[in-house]
C-alpha cells in the first residue's frame, strides 16, 4: 500500500507540474504568417450563389478540368460555401479571372482575388466581372470617354473592346466592368449631351448569369424572388427580361477546343451556353 501511495503522490506531482506549465507558457506567433502550403500571391476566393449542398470533390474536379491550369491548382473548402483556389502561376489565375463570369451546375460562381496577406474569410464576395454591350449610342457619343463614364456609373470600369472603333462598323460598343451583385442590373441609362439633348442607351449582358426578371438581382430567378410574397401574383411586374441577354457570339475559327461538361460548368452562366476551354 505504501508503494502504491507513493506512486499516486508522484503522479499527482507530475499532473500538477504539467498543468502549471500549460498555464505559464505562451506560444509567440507572427501576425500574417502564411498557412503551410498556401502561397497567397496567386489565390482566388469564391462562393456559389445557391443554398444547395455542394459536392466539393465533384466541384473541384470539374473546375480543374475546365480551367486546365498549366501549373496545377489546389482547392480548399473554407466554409460551407466558401472556397480557396490556389494557383501557382500568374498566367493560370489571370485566365480564370479574365474568363469570368463562371457557373457550376447552373449556379453562379463569384470569385475575388485575395490580396497578399489578406484573410480569405473576410472577403465580401459580392462583385462580378462581366462584358456589357452598349446599344443605341448616338454617333457623336461613340467614344472611349463615353464608355469609361458609363462603366464607372454602372460599377467599376475595367476595359473596353479594342475592336470598338476599328474594322467593320458596329451596332454597339463593348466594355468589361465589375458589378455589385447586390444591386439590380441596369436596363438602360440616360445620356445627356452638351447641347442639352439626351437619349437612352440600352444594355445587354454577355454570357449573362441567372437574374430575376422582377427585381433584377443576380443569383435567383423570379420564381424565388422575395417580392412575390409581398403582393398578389397578378399584380407583380417584371421590368427585366430576356431582352437584356446578349446573343451568343459564335466563333467558328478556333480549332483544337477541349469540350467540357456543358451541364456542369460554363464560362458565362447562361443555361444554354456550351462550355469550351480554348487551348493555346
Protein backbone atom coordinates (compact mmCIF):
# COMPACT_ATOMS: atom_id res chain seq x y z
CA UNK A 1 0.00 0.00 0.00
CA UNK A 2 2.87 2.37 0.87
CA UNK A 3 4.36 1.81 -2.55
CA UNK A 4 1.01 2.44 -4.18
CA UNK A 5 0.55 5.61 -2.14
CA UNK A 6 3.97 6.97 -3.10
CA UNK A 7 3.19 6.18 -6.76
CA UNK A 8 -0.10 8.08 -6.56
CA UNK A 9 1.62 11.09 -4.96
CA UNK A 10 4.25 11.09 -7.71
CA UNK A 11 1.54 11.02 -10.36
CA UNK A 12 -0.25 13.95 -8.70
CA UNK A 13 3.00 15.94 -8.63
CA UNK A 14 3.50 15.25 -12.32
CA UNK A 15 -0.07 16.29 -13.15
CA UNK A 16 0.24 19.49 -11.13
CA UNK A 17 3.53 20.27 -12.85
CA UNK A 18 2.08 19.77 -16.31
CA UNK A 19 -0.93 21.94 -15.54
CA UNK A 20 1.27 24.70 -14.18
CA UNK A 21 3.45 24.52 -17.29
CA UNK A 22 0.36 24.91 -19.51
CA UNK A 23 -0.77 27.91 -17.52
CA UNK A 24 2.59 29.67 -17.62
CA UNK A 25 3.86 29.03 -21.10
CA UNK A 26 2.76 31.04 -24.13
CA UNK A 27 3.35 30.49 -27.82
CA UNK A 28 4.55 33.53 -29.75
CA UNK A 29 3.33 33.80 -33.35
CA UNK A 30 3.86 36.40 -36.02
CA UNK A 31 0.67 38.02 -37.32
CA UNK A 32 0.16 37.50 -41.01
CA UNK A 33 2.19 34.32 -41.28
CA UNK A 34 1.23 32.25 -44.31
CA UNK A 35 -0.58 29.00 -43.82
CA UNK A 36 1.54 25.97 -44.54
CA UNK A 37 1.35 25.09 -48.23
CA UNK A 38 -0.58 28.25 -49.26
CA UNK A 39 1.06 30.84 -51.49
CA UNK A 40 -1.28 33.83 -51.39
CA UNK A 41 0.31 35.51 -54.40
CA UNK A 42 -1.99 33.53 -56.68
CA UNK A 43 -5.19 32.81 -54.74
CA UNK A 44 -8.85 33.28 -55.58
CA UNK A 45 -11.67 33.06 -53.06
CA UNK A 46 -15.05 32.00 -54.37
CA UNK A 47 -18.62 31.17 -53.44
CA UNK A 48 -21.63 29.84 -55.34
CA UNK A 49 -24.88 31.80 -55.40
CA UNK A 50 -27.02 28.97 -54.10
CA UNK A 51 -28.30 27.39 -50.91
CA UNK A 52 -27.86 23.91 -52.34
CA UNK A 53 -25.45 21.44 -50.78
CA UNK A 54 -22.31 21.28 -52.92
CA UNK A 55 -20.41 18.10 -53.68
CA UNK A 56 -16.97 19.56 -53.01
CA UNK A 57 -14.95 16.75 -54.58
CA UNK A 58 -17.02 16.85 -57.73
CA UNK A 59 -16.87 20.64 -57.96
CA UNK A 60 -13.10 20.90 -57.71
CA UNK A 61 -12.56 18.12 -60.25
CA UNK A 62 -14.91 19.71 -62.78
CA UNK A 63 -13.42 23.19 -62.36
CA UNK A 64 -9.88 21.85 -62.68
CA UNK A 65 -10.92 20.06 -65.86
CA UNK A 66 -12.39 23.26 -67.26
CA UNK A 67 -9.65 25.69 -66.25
CA UNK A 68 -6.79 23.26 -67.02
CA UNK A 69 -4.07 25.22 -65.18
CA UNK A 70 -0.63 24.69 -66.67
CA UNK A 71 0.98 24.71 -63.21
CA UNK A 72 -1.82 22.81 -61.42
CA UNK A 73 -4.23 24.13 -58.80
CA UNK A 74 -5.34 23.32 -55.28
CA UNK A 75 -8.81 23.87 -53.82
CA UNK A 76 -9.59 24.18 -50.11
CA UNK A 77 -13.06 24.42 -48.58
CA UNK A 78 -13.05 27.30 -46.10
CA UNK A 79 -16.71 27.14 -45.11
CA UNK A 80 -19.99 25.61 -46.25
CA UNK A 81 -19.98 27.71 -49.41
CA UNK A 82 -16.60 29.44 -49.47
CA UNK A 83 -13.58 28.06 -51.30
CA UNK A 84 -9.92 28.96 -51.74
CA UNK A 85 -8.44 28.34 -55.18
CA UNK A 86 -4.65 28.17 -55.07
CA UNK A 87 -2.79 28.63 -58.36
CA UNK A 88 0.93 28.56 -58.93
CA UNK A 89 1.44 30.98 -61.81
CA UNK A 90 0.09 34.38 -62.86
CA UNK A 91 -0.95 33.04 -66.27
CA UNK A 92 -3.28 30.46 -64.73
CA UNK A 93 -5.00 32.82 -62.30
CA UNK A 94 -5.42 35.56 -64.93
CA UNK A 95 -7.03 33.08 -67.34
CA UNK A 96 -9.70 32.33 -64.76
CA UNK A 97 -10.22 36.00 -63.84
CA UNK A 98 -10.47 37.07 -67.47
CA UNK A 99 -12.87 34.23 -68.28
CA UNK A 100 -15.45 35.44 -65.77
CA UNK A 101 -18.37 35.01 -65.31
CA UNK A 102 -18.31 31.29 -64.50
CA UNK A 103 -21.06 28.91 -63.46
CA UNK A 104 -21.02 25.46 -61.93
CA UNK A 105 -24.09 23.24 -62.31
CA UNK A 106 -26.12 26.36 -63.24
CA UNK A 107 -25.01 28.17 -60.08
CA UNK A 108 -23.15 31.46 -60.41
CA UNK A 109 -19.57 31.35 -59.13
CA UNK A 110 -18.42 34.60 -57.55
CA UNK A 111 -14.65 34.95 -57.33
CA UNK A 112 -12.31 37.58 -55.95
CA UNK A 113 -8.55 37.69 -55.90
CA UNK A 114 -7.01 37.51 -52.45
CA UNK A 115 -4.55 40.25 -51.58
CA UNK A 116 -1.18 39.09 -50.27
CA UNK A 117 -1.53 38.73 -46.51
CA UNK A 118 -5.32 39.01 -46.67
CA UNK A 119 -7.85 36.87 -44.82
CA UNK A 120 -9.95 34.83 -47.28
CA UNK A 121 -12.79 34.57 -44.77
CA UNK A 122 -13.25 38.34 -44.64
CA UNK A 123 -13.88 38.97 -48.34
CA UNK A 124 -17.47 40.01 -49.05
CA UNK A 125 -17.59 38.23 -52.44
CA UNK A 126 -20.35 40.42 -53.86
CA UNK A 127 -18.90 41.53 -57.21
CA UNK A 128 -18.88 40.04 -60.70
CA UNK A 129 -16.78 40.91 -63.76
CA UNK A 130 -18.81 40.81 -66.96
CA UNK A 131 -18.86 42.09 -70.55
CA UNK A 132 -21.68 44.53 -71.31
CA UNK A 133 -22.91 45.75 -74.68
CA UNK A 134 -23.98 49.39 -75.09
CA UNK A 135 -26.73 49.67 -77.70
CA UNK A 136 -28.29 52.74 -79.34
CA UNK A 137 -25.33 55.05 -78.65
CA UNK A 138 -25.63 58.10 -80.89
CA UNK A 139 -22.78 58.72 -83.34
CA UNK A 140 -21.38 61.82 -81.67
CA UNK A 141 -21.04 59.98 -78.35
CA UNK A 142 -19.40 56.76 -79.53
CA UNK A 143 -16.09 57.36 -77.77
CA UNK A 144 -13.82 55.77 -75.19
CA UNK A 145 -14.72 58.59 -72.81
CA UNK A 146 -18.40 57.68 -73.01
CA UNK A 147 -17.66 54.01 -72.37
CA UNK A 148 -15.50 54.77 -69.35
CA UNK A 149 -18.05 57.16 -67.78
CA UNK A 150 -20.92 54.74 -68.31
CA UNK A 151 -18.87 51.85 -66.92
CA UNK A 152 -17.90 53.71 -63.75
CA UNK A 153 -21.53 54.76 -63.26
CA UNK A 154 -22.74 51.16 -63.51
CA UNK A 155 -19.93 49.77 -61.36
CA UNK A 156 -16.19 49.79 -61.94
CA UNK A 157 -14.85 50.16 -65.47
CA UNK A 158 -12.16 47.60 -66.34
CA UNK A 159 -11.58 47.71 -70.10
CA UNK A 160 -13.24 48.18 -73.46
CA UNK A 161 -13.15 46.05 -76.57
CA UNK A 162 -10.15 47.11 -78.70
CA UNK A 163 -12.34 46.50 -81.78
CA UNK A 164 -14.92 49.09 -80.74
CA UNK A 165 -13.64 51.71 -83.17
CA UNK A 166 -11.86 49.72 -85.87
CA UNK A 167 -12.86 47.44 -88.70
CA UNK A 168 -16.49 46.88 -89.61
CA UNK A 169 -18.93 49.45 -88.23
CA UNK A 170 -20.60 48.06 -85.15
CA UNK A 171 -24.14 48.48 -83.86
CA UNK A 172 -22.95 48.58 -80.26
CA UNK A 173 -19.91 49.12 -78.04
CA UNK A 174 -18.49 46.60 -75.57
CA UNK A 175 -16.94 47.10 -72.15
CA UNK A 176 -15.94 44.92 -69.23
CA UNK A 177 -16.98 46.12 -65.79
CA UNK A 178 -17.23 44.96 -62.19
CA UNK A 179 -20.81 44.86 -60.91
CA UNK A 180 -22.14 44.72 -57.37
CA UNK A 181 -24.41 41.66 -57.42
CA UNK A 182 -26.43 43.03 -54.51
CA UNK A 183 -27.78 45.79 -56.77
CA UNK A 184 -30.26 45.33 -59.65
CA UNK A 185 -28.86 45.09 -63.16
CA UNK A 186 -29.33 48.24 -65.21
CA UNK A 187 -31.58 48.02 -68.24
CA UNK A 188 -30.67 51.39 -69.71
CA UNK A 189 -29.08 54.75 -68.94
CA UNK A 190 -29.96 58.32 -69.90
CA UNK A 191 -27.15 60.19 -71.66
CA UNK A 192 -27.28 63.98 -71.76
CA UNK A 193 -25.22 65.78 -74.41
CA UNK A 194 -23.55 69.18 -74.08
CA UNK A 195 -26.31 70.86 -76.08
CA UNK A 196 -28.90 69.64 -73.58
CA UNK A 197 -30.37 66.95 -75.80
CA UNK A 198 -30.50 63.43 -74.40
CA UNK A 199 -31.06 59.83 -75.42
CA UNK A 200 -31.25 56.36 -73.87
CA UNK A 201 -28.61 53.66 -74.26
CA UNK A 202 -29.66 50.08 -73.62
CA UNK A 203 -27.55 47.35 -72.05
CA UNK A 204 -27.18 43.70 -72.95
CA UNK A 205 -25.11 41.36 -70.80
CA UNK A 206 -22.89 38.78 -72.44
CA UNK A 207 -22.96 35.27 -71.01
CA UNK A 208 -25.48 36.63 -68.58
CA UNK A 209 -25.85 34.90 -65.24
CA UNK A 210 -29.22 33.95 -63.83
CA UNK A 211 -31.05 37.08 -62.72
CA UNK A 212 -34.56 37.88 -61.53
CA UNK A 213 -37.00 39.42 -64.01
CA UNK A 214 -38.85 41.03 -61.08
CA UNK A 215 -36.08 42.69 -59.03
CA UNK A 216 -33.10 42.46 -61.39
CA UNK A 217 -30.81 40.85 -58.79
CA UNK A 218 -28.28 38.25 -59.90
CA UNK A 219 -28.43 34.81 -58.28
CA UNK A 220 -32.09 33.82 -58.38
CA UNK A 221 -34.96 33.66 -60.86
CA UNK A 222 -38.37 35.31 -60.49
CA UNK A 223 -39.75 32.03 -59.10
CA UNK A 224 -37.70 32.58 -55.94
CA UNK A 225 -37.89 36.36 -55.66
CA UNK A 226 -38.82 37.61 -52.14
CA UNK A 227 -41.18 40.16 -53.69
CA UNK A 228 -43.70 37.50 -54.69
CA UNK A 229 -44.73 37.24 -51.03
CA UNK A 230 -45.48 40.95 -50.64
CA UNK A 231 -48.18 41.48 -53.27
CA UNK A 232 -50.73 39.50 -55.30
CA UNK A 233 -49.14 37.47 -58.05
CA UNK A 234 -51.32 39.05 -60.73
CA UNK A 235 -50.00 42.50 -59.74
CA UNK A 236 -46.31 41.63 -59.91
CA UNK A 237 -44.46 43.42 -62.68
CA UNK A 238 -41.40 42.10 -64.48
CA UNK A 239 -39.43 45.09 -65.77
CA UNK A 240 -36.39 42.91 -66.54
CA UNK A 241 -36.23 40.12 -69.07
CA UNK A 242 -34.61 38.15 -71.86
CA UNK A 243 -34.08 41.35 -73.85
CA UNK A 244 -31.15 42.13 -71.54
CA UNK A 245 -29.26 38.99 -72.58
CA UNK A 246 -26.80 39.37 -75.46
CA UNK A 247 -26.94 36.77 -78.19
CA UNK A 248 -24.04 34.27 -78.19
CA UNK A 249 -21.11 35.25 -80.35
CA UNK A 250 -20.22 32.08 -82.18
CA UNK A 251 -16.62 31.72 -83.26
CA UNK A 252 -16.07 29.01 -85.83
CA UNK A 253 -12.41 29.77 -86.50
CA UNK A 254 -10.97 28.15 -83.39
CA UNK A 255 -9.80 24.59 -83.57
CA UNK A 256 -8.49 22.14 -81.04
CA UNK A 257 -11.04 23.13 -78.43
CA UNK A 258 -11.48 20.83 -75.49
CA UNK A 259 -15.15 20.33 -74.64
CA UNK A 260 -16.25 20.15 -71.03
CA UNK A 261 -19.49 19.14 -69.40
CA UNK A 262 -21.92 21.79 -70.61
CA UNK A 263 -24.44 20.99 -67.90
CA UNK A 264 -21.94 21.28 -65.09
CA UNK A 265 -19.67 24.23 -65.81
CA UNK A 266 -19.51 27.15 -68.17
CA UNK A 267 -17.76 30.41 -68.69
CA UNK A 268 -20.66 32.79 -68.79
CA UNK A 269 -23.55 31.39 -66.83
CA UNK A 270 -26.27 31.27 -69.45
CA UNK A 271 -28.06 27.95 -69.19
CA UNK A 272 -27.98 27.48 -72.97
CA UNK A 273 -24.25 28.01 -73.39
CA UNK A 274 -21.88 25.27 -74.39
CA UNK A 275 -18.70 25.18 -72.35
CA UNK A 276 -15.35 25.32 -74.04
CA UNK A 277 -11.81 25.82 -72.97
CA UNK A 278 -9.68 27.14 -75.80
CA UNK A 279 -6.29 25.53 -75.97
CA UNK A 280 -3.18 27.53 -76.69
